Amino acid sequence: VQLQASGGGLVQAGDSLRLSCAASGRTMSGYAMGWFRQAPGKEREFVAAISRSGGNKDSADSVKGRFAISRDNARNTVYLQMSSLKPEDTAVYFCAARGSISSDTTFARTDKYDYWGQGTQVTVSS
């Protein structure tokens, strides 16, 4: 499956932004999906994850209450709605997919994902 992330940009603190990740090559409904981010000089970190059906979700403590992950399997797209953005949210955001799973679960570790998109830059100015 190929993943294409989009929607990043330069915003001010307190603004909102919605990232999209479009999947192609395979139907996305068979994959658990996740969003990760990587700031300069830092390791890639977990942001949010959603199960195949969308019925289970997980997010990092640093974004709880501000970010929301969702998916539209009919459109083969997963979203990350980001609100109340902070300068520390500045990073390249990556979407990822994990296949070959039998349960409707989420994954928070980078090594659990099989496919990665190219990333989209989010910059939050103070």
PDB file of N, CA and C in Angstrom:
ATOM      1  N   VAL A   1       0.847  -1.183   0.000  1.00  0.00           N
ATOM      2  CA  VAL A   1       0.000   0.000   0.000  1.00  0.00           C
ATOM      3  C   VAL A   1       0.887   1.239   0.000  1.00  0.00           C
ATOM      4  N   GLN A   2       0.485   2.242  -0.783  1.00  0.00           N
ATOM      5  CA  GLN A   2       1.227   3.502  -0.829  1.00  0.00           C
ATOM      6  C   GLN A   2       0.454   4.558  -0.056  1.00  0.00           C
ATOM      7  N   LEU A   3       1.169   5.371   0.703  1.00  0.00           N
ATOM      8  CA  LEU A   3       0.545   6.381   1.543  1.00  0.00           C
ATOM      9  C   LEU A   3       1.046   7.762   1.143  1.00  0.00           C
ATOM     10  N   GLN A   4       0.123   8.702   1.061  1.00  0.00           N
ATOM     11  CA  GLN A   4       0.450  10.073   0.685  1.00  0.00           C
ATOM     12  C   GLN A   4      -0.147  11.016   1.719  1.00  0.00           C
ATOM     13  N   ALA A   5       0.718  11.623   2.513  1.00  0.00           N
ATOM     14  CA  ALA A   5       0.275  12.570   3.529  1.00  0.00           C
ATOM     15  C   ALA A   5       0.236  13.979   2.954  1.00  0.00           C
ATOM     16  N   SER A   6      -0.733  14.760   3.414  1.00  0.00           N
ATOM     17  CA  SER A   6      -0.862  16.143   2.951  1.00  0.00           C
ATOM     18  C   SER A   6      -1.554  16.971   4.021  1.00  0.00           C
ATOM     19  N   GLY A   7      -1.565  18.278   3.811  1.00  0.00           N
ATOM     20  CA  GLY A   7      -2.278  19.168   4.716  1.00  0.00           C
ATOM     21  C   GLY A   7      -1.409  19.961   5.666  1.00  0.00           C
ATOM     22  N   GLY A   8      -0.121  19.719   5.661  1.00  0.00           N
ATOM     23  CA  GLY A   8       0.763  20.470   6.538  1.00  0.00           C
ATOM     24  C   GLY A   8       0.896  21.917   6.103  1.00  0.00           C
ATOM     25  N   GLY A   9       1.513  22.710   6.951  1.00  0.00           N
ATOM     26  CA  GLY A   9       1.718  24.102   6.619  1.00  0.00           C
ATOM     27  C   GLY A   9       2.249  24.887   7.788  1.00  0.00           C
ATOM     28  N   LEU A  10       2.295  26.202   7.601  1.00  0.00           N
ATOM     29  CA  LEU A  10       2.759  27.117   8.642  1.00  0.00           C
ATOM     30  C   LEU A  10       1.546  27.789   9.265  1.00  0.00           C
ATOM     31  N   VAL A  11       1.386  27.622  10.580  1.00  0.00           N
ATOM     32  CA  VAL A  11       0.253  28.204  11.290  1.00  0.00           C
ATOM     33  C   VAL A  11       0.763  28.873  12.564  1.00  0.00           C
ATOM     34  N   GLN A  12      -0.130  29.626  13.190  1.00  0.00           N
ATOM     35  CA  GLN A  12       0.219  30.272  14.456  1.00  0.00           C
ATOM     36  C   GLN A  12      -0.272  29.431  15.627  1.00  0.00           C
ATOM     37  N   ALA A  13       0.347  29.645  16.761  1.00  0.00           N
ATOM     38  CA  ALA A  13      -0.079  28.936  17.970  1.00  0.00           C
ATOM     39  C   ALA A  13      -1.561  29.189  18.214  1.00  0.00           C
ATOM     40  N   GLY A  14      -2.274  28.123  18.556  1.00  0.00           N
ATOM     41  CA  GLY A  14      -3.699  28.204  18.792  1.00  0.00           C
ATOM     42  C   GLY A  14      -4.549  27.866  17.585  1.00  0.00           C
ATOM     43  N   ASP A  15      -3.937  27.816  16.415  1.00  0.00           N
ATOM     44  CA  ASP A  15      -4.662  27.505  15.186  1.00  0.00           C
ATOM     45  C   ASP A  15      -4.958  26.012  15.081  1.00  0.00           C
ATOM     46  N   SER A  16      -5.740  25.678  14.077  1.00  0.00           N
ATOM     47  CA  SER A  16      -6.078  24.284  13.785  1.00  0.00           C
ATOM     48  C   SER A  16      -5.593  23.921  12.394  1.00  0.00           C
ATOM     49  N   LEU A  17      -5.411  22.619  12.208  1.00  0.00           N
ATOM     50  CA  LEU A  17      -4.943  22.106  10.919  1.00  0.00           C
ATOM     51  C   LEU A  17      -5.442  20.674  10.799  1.00  0.00           C
ATOM     52  N   ARG A  18      -5.782  20.262   9.605  1.00  0.00           N
ATOM     53  CA  ARG A  18      -6.175  18.866   9.390  1.00  0.00           C
ATOM     54  C   ARG A  18      -5.239  18.220   8.388  1.00  0.00           C
ATOM     55  N   LEU A  19      -4.621  17.161   8.800  1.00  0.00           N
ATOM     56  CA  LEU A  19      -3.777  16.364   7.930  1.00  0.00           C
ATOM     57  C   LEU A  19      -4.586  15.221   7.335  1.00  0.00           C
ATOM     58  N   SER A  20      -4.247  14.863   6.114  1.00  0.00           N
ATOM     59  CA  SER A  20      -4.878  13.733   5.439  1.00  0.00           C
ATOM     60  C   SER A  20      -3.810  12.755   4.998  1.00  0.00           C
ATOM     61  N   CYS A  21      -4.177  11.507   4.957  1.00  0.00           N
ATOM     62  CA  CYS A  21      -3.286  10.463   4.467  1.00  0.00           C
ATOM     63  C   CYS A  21      -4.110   9.572   3.546  1.00  0.00           C
ATOM     64  N   ALA A  22      -3.811   9.647   2.272  1.00  0.00           N
ATOM     65  CA  ALA A  22      -4.538   8.860   1.280  1.00  0.00           C
ATOM     66  C   ALA A  22      -3.772   7.591   0.968  1.00  0.00           C
ATOM     67  N   ALA A  23      -4.464   6.481   0.992  1.00  0.00           N
ATOM     68  CA  ALA A  23      -3.859   5.190   0.695  1.00  0.00           C
ATOM     69  C   ALA A  23      -4.243   4.758  -0.707  1.00  0.00           C
ATOM     70  N   SER A  24      -3.308   4.113  -1.383  1.00  0.00           N
ATOM     71  CA  SER A  24      -3.576   3.573  -2.711  1.00  0.00           C
ATOM     72  C   SER A  24      -2.898   2.229  -2.834  1.00  0.00           C
ATOM     73  N   GLY A  25      -3.354   1.456  -3.785  1.00  0.00           N
ATOM     74  CA  GLY A  25      -2.766   0.146  -4.012  1.00  0.00           C
ATOM     75  C   GLY A  25      -3.520  -0.995  -3.345  1.00  0.00           C
ATOM     76  N   ARG A  26      -4.029  -0.732  -2.175  1.00  0.00           N
ATOM     77  CA  ARG A  26      -4.821  -1.716  -1.455  1.00  0.00           C
ATOM     78  C   ARG A  26      -5.943  -0.964  -0.739  1.00  0.00           C
ATOM     79  N   THR A  27      -7.017  -1.658  -0.448  1.00  0.00           N
ATOM     80  CA  THR A  27      -8.054  -1.020   0.330  1.00  0.00           C
ATOM     81  C   THR A  27      -7.563  -0.811   1.763  1.00  0.00           C
ATOM     82  N   MET A  28      -7.810   0.362   2.284  1.00  0.00           N
ATOM     83  CA  MET A  28      -7.257   0.717   3.579  1.00  0.00           C
ATOM     84  C   MET A  28      -7.975   0.017   4.731  1.00  0.00           C
ATOM     85  N   SER A  29      -9.148  -0.535   4.477  1.00  0.00           N
ATOM     86  CA  SER A  29      -9.942  -1.088   5.564  1.00  0.00           C
ATOM     87  C   SER A  29      -9.273  -2.278   6.248  1.00  0.00           C
ATOM     88  N   GLY A  30      -8.291  -2.866   5.600  1.00  0.00           N
ATOM     89  CA  GLY A  30      -7.598  -3.996   6.200  1.00  0.00           C
ATOM     90  C   GLY A  30      -6.401  -3.602   7.052  1.00  0.00           C
ATOM     91  N   TYR A  31      -6.186  -2.318   7.217  1.00  0.00           N
ATOM     92  CA  TYR A  31      -4.988  -1.831   7.884  1.00  0.00           C
ATOM     93  C   TYR A  31      -5.314  -0.977   9.102  1.00  0.00           C
ATOM     94  N   ALA A  32      -4.558  -1.208  10.165  1.00  0.00           N
ATOM     95  CA  ALA A  32      -4.541  -0.252  11.253  1.00  0.00           C
ATOM     96  C   ALA A  32      -3.652   0.906  10.809  1.00  0.00           C
ATOM     97  N   MET A  33      -4.016   2.102  11.212  1.00  0.00           N
ATOM     98  CA  MET A  33      -3.308   3.291  10.752  1.00  0.00           C
ATOM     99  C   MET A  33      -2.788   4.103  11.929  1.00  0.00           C
ATOM    100  N   GLY A  34      -1.712   4.822  11.672  1.00  0.00           N
ATOM    101  CA  GLY A  34      -1.151   5.649  12.735  1.00  0.00           C
ATOM    102  C   GLY A  34      -0.538   6.923  12.187  1.00  0.00           C
ATOM    103  N   TRP A  35      -0.424   7.887  13.076  1.00  0.00           N
ATOM    104  CA  TRP A  35       0.293   9.132  12.779  1.00  0.00           C
ATOM    105  C   TRP A  35       1.467   9.241  13.745  1.00  0.00           C
ATOM    106  N   PHE A  36       2.598   9.618  13.211  1.00  0.00           N
ATOM    107  CA  PHE A  36       3.805   9.846  13.995  1.00  0.00           C
ATOM    108  C   PHE A  36       4.385  11.192  13.585  1.00  0.00           C
ATOM    109  N   ARG A  37       5.293  11.706  14.385  1.00  0.00           N
ATOM    110  CA  ARG A  37       5.951  12.955  14.027  1.00  0.00           C
ATOM    111  C   ARG A  37       7.413  12.917  14.431  1.00  0.00           C
ATOM    112  N   GLN A  38       8.192  13.717  13.736  1.00  0.00           N
ATOM    113  CA  GLN A  38       9.622  13.785  14.024  1.00  0.00           C
ATOM    114  C   GLN A  38      10.098  15.221  13.905  1.00  0.00           C
ATOM    115  N   ALA A  39      10.567  15.747  15.018  1.00  0.00           N
ATOM    116  CA  ALA A  39      11.135  17.093  15.048  1.00  0.00           C
ATOM    117  C   ALA A  39      12.632  17.010  14.786  1.00  0.00           C
ATOM    118  N   PRO A  40      13.237  18.092  14.327  1.00  0.00           N
ATOM    119  CA  PRO A  40      14.680  18.074  14.038  1.00  0.00           C
ATOM    120  C   PRO A  40      15.492  17.629  15.248  1.00  0.00           C
ATOM    121  N   GLY A  41      16.375  16.667  15.036  1.00  0.00           N
ATOM    122  CA  GLY A  41      17.237  16.188  16.102  1.00  0.00           C
ATOM    123  C   GLY A  41      16.585  15.259  17.095  1.00  0.00           C
ATOM    124  N   LYS A  42      15.326  14.902  16.843  1.00  0.00           N
ATOM    125  CA  LYS A  42      14.615  14.024  17.774  1.00  0.00           C
ATOM    126  C   LYS A  42      14.179  12.748  17.066  1.00  0.00           C
ATOM    127  N   GLU A  43      13.857  11.755  17.867  1.00  0.00           N
ATOM    128  CA  GLU A  43      13.375  10.501  17.312  1.00  0.00           C
ATOM    129  C   GLU A  43      11.904  10.654  16.883  1.00  0.00           C
ATOM    130  N   ARG A  44      11.514   9.779  15.982  1.00  0.00           N
ATOM    131  CA  ARG A  44      10.128   9.753  15.569  1.00  0.00           C
ATOM    132  C   ARG A  44       9.260   9.296  16.737  1.00  0.00           C
ATOM    133  N   GLU A  45       8.157  10.017  16.975  1.00  0.00           N
ATOM    134  CA  GLU A  45       7.325   9.682  18.117  1.00  0.00           C
ATOM    135  C   GLU A  45       5.877   9.476  17.702  1.00  0.00           C
ATOM    136  N   PHE A  46       5.211   8.680  18.511  1.00  0.00           N
ATOM    137  CA  PHE A  46       3.808   8.347  18.291  1.00  0.00           C
ATOM    138  C   PHE A  46       2.922   9.548  18.554  1.00  0.00           C
ATOM    139  N   VAL A  47       1.922   9.733  17.686  1.00  0.00           N
ATOM    140  CA  VAL A  47       0.935  10.799  17.879  1.00  0.00           C
ATOM    141  C   VAL A  47      -0.443  10.200  18.120  1.00  0.00           C
ATOM    142  N   ALA A  48      -0.913   9.392  17.174  1.00  0.00           N
ATOM    143  CA  ALA A  48      -2.255   8.826  17.307  1.00  0.00           C
ATOM    144  C   ALA A  48      -2.369   7.600  16.420  1.00  0.00           C
ATOM    145  N   ALA A  49      -3.308   6.728  16.791  1.00  0.00           N
ATOM    146  CA  ALA A  49      -3.527   5.512  16.022  1.00  0.00           C
ATOM    147  C   ALA A  49      -5.006   5.168  16.008  1.00  0.00           C
ATOM    148  N   ILE A  50      -5.399   4.435  14.965  1.00  0.00           N
ATOM    149  CA  ILE A  50      -6.798   4.040  14.827  1.00  0.00           C
ATOM    150  C   ILE A  50      -6.855   2.625  14.277  1.00  0.00           C
ATOM    151  N   SER A  51      -7.792   1.850  14.762  1.00  0.00           N
ATOM    152  CA  SER A  51      -7.915   0.469  14.331  1.00  0.00           C
ATOM    153  C   SER A  51      -8.559   0.374  12.950  1.00  0.00           C
ATOM    154  N   ARG A  52      -8.600  -0.827  12.425  1.00  0.00           N
ATOM    155  CA  ARG A  52      -9.113  -1.031  11.067  1.00  0.00           C
ATOM    156  C   ARG A  52     -10.527  -0.490  10.885  1.00  0.00           C
ATOM    157  N   SER A  53     -11.362  -0.755  11.855  1.00  0.00           N
ATOM    158  CA  SER A  53     -12.759  -0.330  11.737  1.00  0.00           C
ATOM    159  C   SER A  53     -12.966   1.121  12.147  1.00  0.00           C
ATOM    160  N   GLY A  54     -12.000   1.678  12.865  1.00  0.00           N
ATOM    161  CA  GLY A  54     -12.159   3.010  13.435  1.00  0.00           C
ATOM    162  C   GLY A  54     -12.765   2.982  14.817  1.00  0.00           C
ATOM    163  N   GLY A  55     -13.074   1.792  15.309  1.00  0.00           N
ATOM    164  CA  GLY A  55     -13.725   1.676  16.597  1.00  0.00           C
ATOM    165  C   GLY A  55     -12.802   1.843  17.789  1.00  0.00           C
ATOM    166  N   ASN A  56     -11.513   1.667  17.581  1.00  0.00           N
ATOM    167  CA  ASN A  56     -10.529   1.848  18.651  1.00  0.00           C
ATOM    168  C   ASN A  56      -9.530   2.908  18.249  1.00  0.00           C
ATOM    169  N   LYS A  57      -9.234   3.790  19.186  1.00  0.00           N
ATOM    170  CA  LYS A  57      -8.302   4.882  18.935  1.00  0.00           C
ATOM    171  C   LYS A  57      -7.373   5.025  20.129  1.00  0.00           C
ATOM    172  N   ASP A  58      -6.226   5.602  19.854  1.00  0.00           N
ATOM    173  CA  ASP A  58      -5.237   5.853  20.890  1.00  0.00           C
ATOM    174  C   ASP A  58      -4.485   7.113  20.510  1.00  0.00           C
ATOM    175  N   SER A  59      -3.994   7.824  21.504  1.00  0.00           N
ATOM    176  CA  SER A  59      -3.205   9.023  21.209  1.00  0.00           C
ATOM    177  C   SER A  59      -2.189   9.259  22.311  1.00  0.00           C
ATOM    178  N   ALA A  60      -1.152   9.975  21.980  1.00  0.00           N
ATOM    179  CA  ALA A  60      -0.120  10.312  22.950  1.00  0.00           C
ATOM    180  C   ALA A  60      -0.666  11.310  23.969  1.00  0.00           C
ATOM    181  N   ASP A  61      -0.146  11.243  25.171  1.00  0.00           N
ATOM    182  CA  ASP A  61      -0.600  12.156  26.221  1.00  0.00           C
ATOM    183  C   ASP A  61      -0.412  13.619  25.814  1.00  0.00           C
ATOM    184  N   SER A  62       0.637  13.882  25.061  1.00  0.00           N
ATOM    185  CA  SER A  62       0.958  15.261  24.693  1.00  0.00           C
ATOM    186  C   SER A  62      -0.074  15.889  23.750  1.00  0.00           C
ATOM    187  N   VAL A  63      -0.903  15.053  23.127  1.00  0.00           N
ATOM    188  CA  VAL A  63      -1.883  15.599  22.174  1.00  0.00           C
ATOM    189  C   VAL A  63      -3.324  15.300  22.571  1.00  0.00           C
ATOM    190  N   LYS A  64      -3.505  14.572  23.664  1.00  0.00           N
ATOM    191  CA  LYS A  64      -4.866  14.237  24.098  1.00  0.00           C
ATOM    192  C   LYS A  64      -5.678  15.501  24.338  1.00  0.00           C
ATOM    193  N   GLY A  65      -6.894  15.478  23.820  1.00  0.00           N
ATOM    194  CA  GLY A  65      -7.767  16.633  23.972  1.00  0.00           C
ATOM    195  C   GLY A  65      -7.552  17.704  22.915  1.00  0.00           C
ATOM    196  N   ARG A  66      -6.481  17.590  22.132  1.00  0.00           N
ATOM    197  CA  ARG A  66      -6.205  18.576  21.073  1.00  0.00           C
ATOM    198  C   ARG A  66      -6.234  17.959  19.677  1.00  0.00           C
ATOM    199  N   PHE A  67      -5.751  16.726  19.562  1.00  0.00           N
ATOM    200  CA  PHE A  67      -5.699  16.057  18.265  1.00  0.00           C
ATOM    201  C   PHE A  67      -6.729  14.927  18.235  1.00  0.00           C
ATOM    202  N   ALA A  68      -7.279  14.690  17.060  1.00  0.00           N
ATOM    203  CA  ALA A  68      -8.235  13.597  16.889  1.00  0.00           C
ATOM    204  C   ALA A  68      -7.958  12.871  15.582  1.00  0.00           C
ATOM    205  N   ILE A  69      -7.862  11.564  15.663  1.00  0.00           N
ATOM    206  CA  ILE A  69      -7.651  10.754  14.475  1.00  0.00           C
ATOM    207  C   ILE A  69      -8.980  10.167  14.031  1.00  0.00           C
ATOM    208  N   SER A  70      -9.164  10.068  12.727  1.00  0.00           N
ATOM    209  CA  SER A  70     -10.374   9.460  12.179  1.00  0.00           C
ATOM    210  C   SER A  70     -10.026   8.838  10.837  1.00  0.00           C
ATOM    211  N   ARG A  71     -10.945   8.053  10.327  1.00  0.00           N
ATOM    212  CA  ARG A  71     -10.703   7.433   9.032  1.00  0.00           C
ATOM    213  C   ARG A  71     -11.999   7.327   8.254  1.00  0.00           C
ATOM    214  N   ASP A  72     -11.866   7.339   6.948  1.00  0.00           N
ATOM    215  CA  ASP A  72     -12.987   7.124   6.040  1.00  0.00           C
ATOM    216  C   ASP A  72     -12.546   6.007   5.105  1.00  0.00           C
ATOM    217  N   ASN A  73     -12.931   4.797   5.419  1.00  0.00           N
ATOM    218  CA  ASN A  73     -12.480   3.649   4.622  1.00  0.00           C
ATOM    219  C   ASN A  73     -13.032   3.690   3.201  1.00  0.00           C
ATOM    220  N   ALA A  74     -14.169   4.313   3.021  1.00  0.00           N
ATOM    221  CA  ALA A  74     -14.729   4.421   1.673  1.00  0.00           C
ATOM    222  C   ALA A  74     -13.862   5.318   0.788  1.00  0.00           C
ATOM    223  N   ARG A  75     -13.203   6.288   1.414  1.00  0.00           N
ATOM    224  CA  ARG A  75     -12.313   7.202   0.699  1.00  0.00           C
ATOM    225  C   ARG A  75     -10.850   6.794   0.815  1.00  0.00           C
ATOM    226  N   ASN A  76     -10.591   5.696   1.515  1.00  0.00           N
ATOM    227  CA  ASN A  76      -9.209   5.234   1.710  1.00  0.00           C
ATOM    228  C   ASN A  76      -8.329   6.331   2.300  1.00  0.00           C
ATOM    229  N   THR A  77      -8.862   7.035   3.264  1.00  0.00           N
ATOM    230  CA  THR A  77      -8.156   8.173   3.826  1.00  0.00           C
ATOM    231  C   THR A  77      -8.269   8.175   5.350  1.00  0.00           C
ATOM    232  N   VAL A  78      -7.161   8.519   5.996  1.00  0.00           N
ATOM    233  CA  VAL A  78      -7.149   8.726   7.436  1.00  0.00           C
ATOM    234  C   VAL A  78      -6.788  10.189   7.694  1.00  0.00           C
ATOM    235  N   TYR A  79      -7.369  10.740   8.748  1.00  0.00           N
ATOM    236  CA  TYR A  79      -7.203  12.153   9.043  1.00  0.00           C
ATOM    237  C   TYR A  79      -6.604  12.359  10.431  1.00  0.00           C
ATOM    238  N   LEU A  80      -5.948  13.491  10.588  1.00  0.00           N
ATOM    239  CA  LEU A  80      -5.519  13.925  11.908  1.00  0.00           C
ATOM    240  C   LEU A  80      -5.952  15.382  12.057  1.00  0.00           C
ATOM    241  N   GLN A  81      -6.981  15.589  12.855  1.00  0.00           N
ATOM    242  CA  GLN A  81      -7.465  16.926  13.133  1.00  0.00           C
ATOM    243  C   GLN A  81      -6.690  17.481  14.321  1.00  0.00           C
ATOM    244  N   MET A  82      -5.976  18.570  14.098  1.00  0.00           N
ATOM    245  CA  MET A  82      -5.134  19.151  15.137  1.00  0.00           C
ATOM    246  C   MET A  82      -5.683  20.512  15.529  1.00  0.00           C
ATOM    247  N   SER A  83      -5.901  20.695  16.808  1.00  0.00           N
ATOM    248  CA  SER A  83      -6.418  21.963  17.323  1.00  0.00           C
ATOM    249  C   SER A  83      -5.501  22.487  18.415  1.00  0.00           C
ATOM    250  N   SER A  84      -5.671  23.763  18.740  1.00  0.00           N
ATOM    251  CA  SER A  84      -4.861  24.393  19.796  1.00  0.00           C
ATOM    252  C   SER A  84      -3.389  24.075  19.614  1.00  0.00           C
ATOM    253  N   LEU A  85      -2.915  24.251  18.415  1.00  0.00           N
ATOM    254  CA  LEU A  85      -1.533  23.897  18.110  1.00  0.00           C
ATOM    255  C   LEU A  85      -0.546  24.736  18.896  1.00  0.00           C
ATOM    256  N   LYS A  86       0.554  24.098  19.258  1.00  0.00           N
ATOM    257  CA  LYS A  86       1.607  24.720  20.034  1.00  0.00           C
ATOM    258  C   LYS A  86       2.910  24.680  19.239  1.00  0.00           C
ATOM    259  N   PRO A  87       3.842  25.571  19.532  1.00  0.00           N
ATOM    260  CA  PRO A  87       5.132  25.519  18.835  1.00  0.00           C
ATOM    261  C   PRO A  87       5.821  24.158  18.960  1.00  0.00           C
ATOM    262  N   GLU A  88       5.634  23.479  20.078  1.00  0.00           N
ATOM    263  CA  GLU A  88       6.263  22.175  20.253  1.00  0.00           C
ATOM    264  C   GLU A  88       5.630  21.081  19.396  1.00  0.00           C
ATOM    265  N   ASP A  89       4.541  21.396  18.705  1.00  0.00           N
ATOM    266  CA  ASP A  89       3.958  20.449  17.746  1.00  0.00           C
ATOM    267  C   ASP A  89       4.660  20.510  16.397  1.00  0.00           C
ATOM    268  N   THR A  90       5.565  21.447  16.240  1.00  0.00           N
ATOM    269  CA  THR A  90       6.305  21.583  14.979  1.00  0.00           C
ATOM    270  C   THR A  90       7.116  20.316  14.709  1.00  0.00           C
ATOM    271  N   ALA A  91       6.898  19.725  13.537  1.00  0.00           N
ATOM    272  CA  ALA A  91       7.562  18.471  13.175  1.00  0.00           C
ATOM    273  C   ALA A  91       7.119  18.077  11.769  1.00  0.00           C
ATOM    274  N   VAL A  92       7.785  17.079  11.253  1.00  0.00           N
ATOM    275  CA  VAL A  92       7.290  16.396  10.056  1.00  0.00           C
ATOM    276  C   VAL A  92       6.365  15.280  10.532  1.00  0.00           C
ATOM    277  N   TYR A  93       5.173  15.249   9.995  1.00  0.00           N
ATOM    278  CA  TYR A  93       4.171  14.268  10.396  1.00  0.00           C
ATOM    279  C   TYR A  93       4.083  13.171   9.329  1.00  0.00           C
ATOM    280  N   PHE A  94       4.122  11.939   9.814  1.00  0.00           N
ATOM    281  CA  PHE A  94       4.089  10.770   8.947  1.00  0.00           C
ATOM    282  C   PHE A  94       2.865   9.925   9.260  1.00  0.00           C
ATOM    283  N   CYS A  95       2.249   9.376   8.212  1.00  0.00           N
ATOM    284  CA  CYS A  95       1.218   8.377   8.440  1.00  0.00           C
ATOM    285  C   CYS A  95       1.817   7.004   8.145  1.00  0.00           C
ATOM    286  N   ALA A  96       1.244   5.996   8.775  1.00  0.00           N
ATOM    287  CA  ALA A  96       1.757   4.642   8.655  1.00  0.00           C
ATOM    288  C   ALA A  96       0.610   3.648   8.660  1.00  0.00           C
ATOM    289  N   ALA A  97       0.864   2.476   8.060  1.00  0.00           N
ATOM    290  CA  ALA A  97      -0.150   1.436   7.962  1.00  0.00           C
ATOM    291  C   ALA A  97       0.424   0.101   8.420  1.00  0.00           C
ATOM    292  N   ARG A  98      -0.428  -0.648   9.092  1.00  0.00           N
ATOM    293  CA  ARG A  98      -0.038  -1.981   9.550  1.00  0.00           C
ATOM    294  C   ARG A  98      -1.073  -2.971   9.069  1.00  0.00           C
ATOM    295  N   GLY A  99      -0.624  -3.967   8.308  1.00  0.00           N
ATOM    296  CA  GLY A  99      -1.534  -4.965   7.784  1.00  0.00           C
ATOM    297  C   GLY A  99      -1.350  -6.297   8.483  1.00  0.00           C
ATOM    298  N   SER A 100      -1.951  -7.329   7.934  1.00  0.00           N
ATOM    299  CA  SER A 100      -1.817  -8.699   8.445  1.00  0.00           C
ATOM    300  C   SER A 100      -2.166  -8.804   9.920  1.00  0.00           C
ATOM    301  N   ILE A 101      -3.270  -8.215  10.290  1.00  0.00           N
ATOM    302  CA  ILE A 101      -3.697  -8.284  11.676  1.00  0.00           C
ATOM    303  C   ILE A 101      -5.095  -8.890  11.737  1.00  0.00           C
ATOM    304  N   SER A 102      -5.355  -9.622  12.774  1.00  0.00           N
ATOM    305  CA  SER A 102      -6.636 -10.311  12.901  1.00  0.00           C
ATOM    306  C   SER A 102      -7.572  -9.629  13.884  1.00  0.00           C
ATOM    307  N   SER A 103      -7.037  -8.686  14.639  1.00  0.00           N
ATOM    308  CA  SER A 103      -7.860  -8.019  15.651  1.00  0.00           C
ATOM    309  C   SER A 103      -8.019  -6.548  15.313  1.00  0.00           C
ATOM    310  N   ASP A 104      -9.006  -5.926  15.902  1.00  0.00           N
ATOM    311  CA  ASP A 104      -9.300  -4.519  15.660  1.00  0.00           C
ATOM    312  C   ASP A 104      -8.595  -3.682  16.724  1.00  0.00           C
ATOM    313  N   THR A 105      -7.278  -3.611  16.585  1.00  0.00           N
ATOM    314  CA  THR A 105      -6.474  -2.979  17.615  1.00  0.00           C
ATOM    315  C   THR A 105      -5.665  -1.817  17.044  1.00  0.00           C
ATOM    316  N   THR A 106      -5.005  -1.103  17.944  1.00  0.00           N
ATOM    317  CA  THR A 106      -4.155   0.019  17.544  1.00  0.00           C
ATOM    318  C   THR A 106      -2.704  -0.285  17.912  1.00  0.00           C
ATOM    319  N   PHE A 107      -1.793   0.429  17.295  1.00  0.00           N
ATOM    320  CA  PHE A 107      -0.363   0.223  17.526  1.00  0.00           C
ATOM    321  C   PHE A 107       0.320   1.574  17.721  1.00  0.00           C
ATOM    322  N   ALA A 108       1.148   1.659  18.750  1.00  0.00           N
ATOM    323  CA  ALA A 108       1.809   2.923  19.074  1.00  0.00           C
ATOM    324  C   ALA A 108       3.307   2.909  18.796  1.00  0.00           C
ATOM    325  N   ARG A 109       3.845   1.789  18.394  1.00  0.00           N
ATOM    326  CA  ARG A 109       5.284   1.680  18.158  1.00  0.00           C
ATOM    327  C   ARG A 109       5.598   1.752  16.686  1.00  0.00           C
ATOM    328  N   THR A 110       6.666   2.435  16.342  1.00  0.00           N
ATOM    329  CA  THR A 110       7.024   2.583  14.931  1.00  0.00           C
ATOM    330  C   THR A 110       7.342   1.235  14.291  1.00  0.00           C
ATOM    331  N   ASP A 111       7.911   0.319  15.058  1.00  0.00           N
ATOM    332  CA  ASP A 111       8.332  -0.962  14.469  1.00  0.00           C
ATOM    333  C   ASP A 111       7.161  -1.908  14.222  1.00  0.00           C
ATOM    334  N   LYS A 112       5.947  -1.482  14.590  1.00  0.00           N
ATOM    335  CA  LYS A 112       4.767  -2.302  14.331  1.00  0.00           C
ATOM    336  C   LYS A 112       4.146  -2.003  12.972  1.00  0.00           C
ATOM    337  N   TYR A 113       4.642  -0.972  12.296  1.00  0.00           N
ATOM    338  CA  TYR A 113       4.052  -0.551  11.033  1.00  0.00           C
ATOM    339  C   TYR A 113       4.882  -1.012   9.844  1.00  0.00           C
ATOM    340  N   ASP A 114       4.167  -1.384   8.781  1.00  0.00           N
ATOM    341  CA  ASP A 114       4.807  -1.931   7.591  1.00  0.00           C
ATOM    342  C   ASP A 114       5.052  -0.882   6.514  1.00  0.00           C
ATOM    343  N   TYR A 115       4.178   0.102   6.438  1.00  0.00           N
ATOM    344  CA  TYR A 115       4.224   1.068   5.357  1.00  0.00           C
ATOM    345  C   TYR A 115       4.194   2.489   5.924  1.00  0.00           C
ATOM    346  N   TRP A 116       4.947   3.364   5.262  1.00  0.00           N
ATOM    347  CA  TRP A 116       5.052   4.756   5.707  1.00  0.00           C
ATOM    348  C   TRP A 116       4.859   5.711   4.539  1.00  0.00           C
ATOM    349  N   GLY A 117       4.217   6.829   4.828  1.00  0.00           N
ATOM    350  CA  GLY A 117       4.126   7.902   3.851  1.00  0.00           C
ATOM    351  C   GLY A 117       5.367   8.766   3.897  1.00  0.00           C
ATOM    352  N   GLN A 118       5.406   9.776   3.046  1.00  0.00           N
ATOM    353  CA  GLN A 118       6.603  10.592   2.892  1.00  0.00           C
ATOM    354  C   GLN A 118       6.702  11.722   3.909  1.00  0.00           C
ATOM    355  N   GLY A 119       5.639  12.027   4.611  1.00  0.00           N
ATOM    356  CA  GLY A 119       5.687  13.076   5.626  1.00  0.00           C
ATOM    357  C   GLY A 119       5.206  14.412   5.106  1.00  0.00           C
ATOM    358  N   THR A 120       4.619  15.193   5.995  1.00  0.00           N
ATOM    359  CA  THR A 120       4.190  16.548   5.673  1.00  0.00           C
ATOM    360  C   THR A 120       4.613  17.463   6.823  1.00  0.00           C
ATOM    361  N   GLN A 121       5.171  18.608   6.491  1.00  0.00           N
ATOM    362  CA  GLN A 121       5.728  19.508   7.494  1.00  0.00           C
ATOM    363  C   GLN A 121       4.639  20.354   8.136  1.00  0.00           C
ATOM    364  N   VAL A 122       4.650  20.368   9.456  1.00  0.00           N
ATOM    365  CA  VAL A 122       3.783  21.255  10.232  1.00  0.00           C
ATOM    366  C   VAL A 122       4.681  22.185  11.049  1.00  0.00           C
ATOM    367  N   THR A 123       4.518  23.474  10.861  1.00  0.00           N
ATOM    368  CA  THR A 123       5.294  24.456  11.596  1.00  0.00           C
ATOM    369  C   THR A 123       4.338  25.389  12.331  1.00  0.00           C
ATOM    370  N   VAL A 124       4.513  25.477  13.648  1.00  0.00           N
ATOM    371  CA  VAL A 124       3.649  26.315  14.478  1.00  0.00           C
ATOM    372  C   VAL A 124       4.495  27.447  15.041  1.00  0.00           C
ATOM    373  N   SER A 125       4.142  28.661  14.692  1.00  0.00           N
ATOM    374  CA  SER A 125       4.887  29.813  15.192  1.00  0.00           C
ATOM    375  C   SER A 125       4.233  30.360  16.451  1.00  0.00           C
ATOM    376  N   SER A 126       5.049  30.929  17.314  1.00  0.00           N
ATOM    377  CA  SER A 126       4.531  31.452  18.589  1.00  0.00           C
ATOM    378  C   SER A 126       4.073  32.892  18.469  1.00  0.00           C
TER     379      SER A 126
END
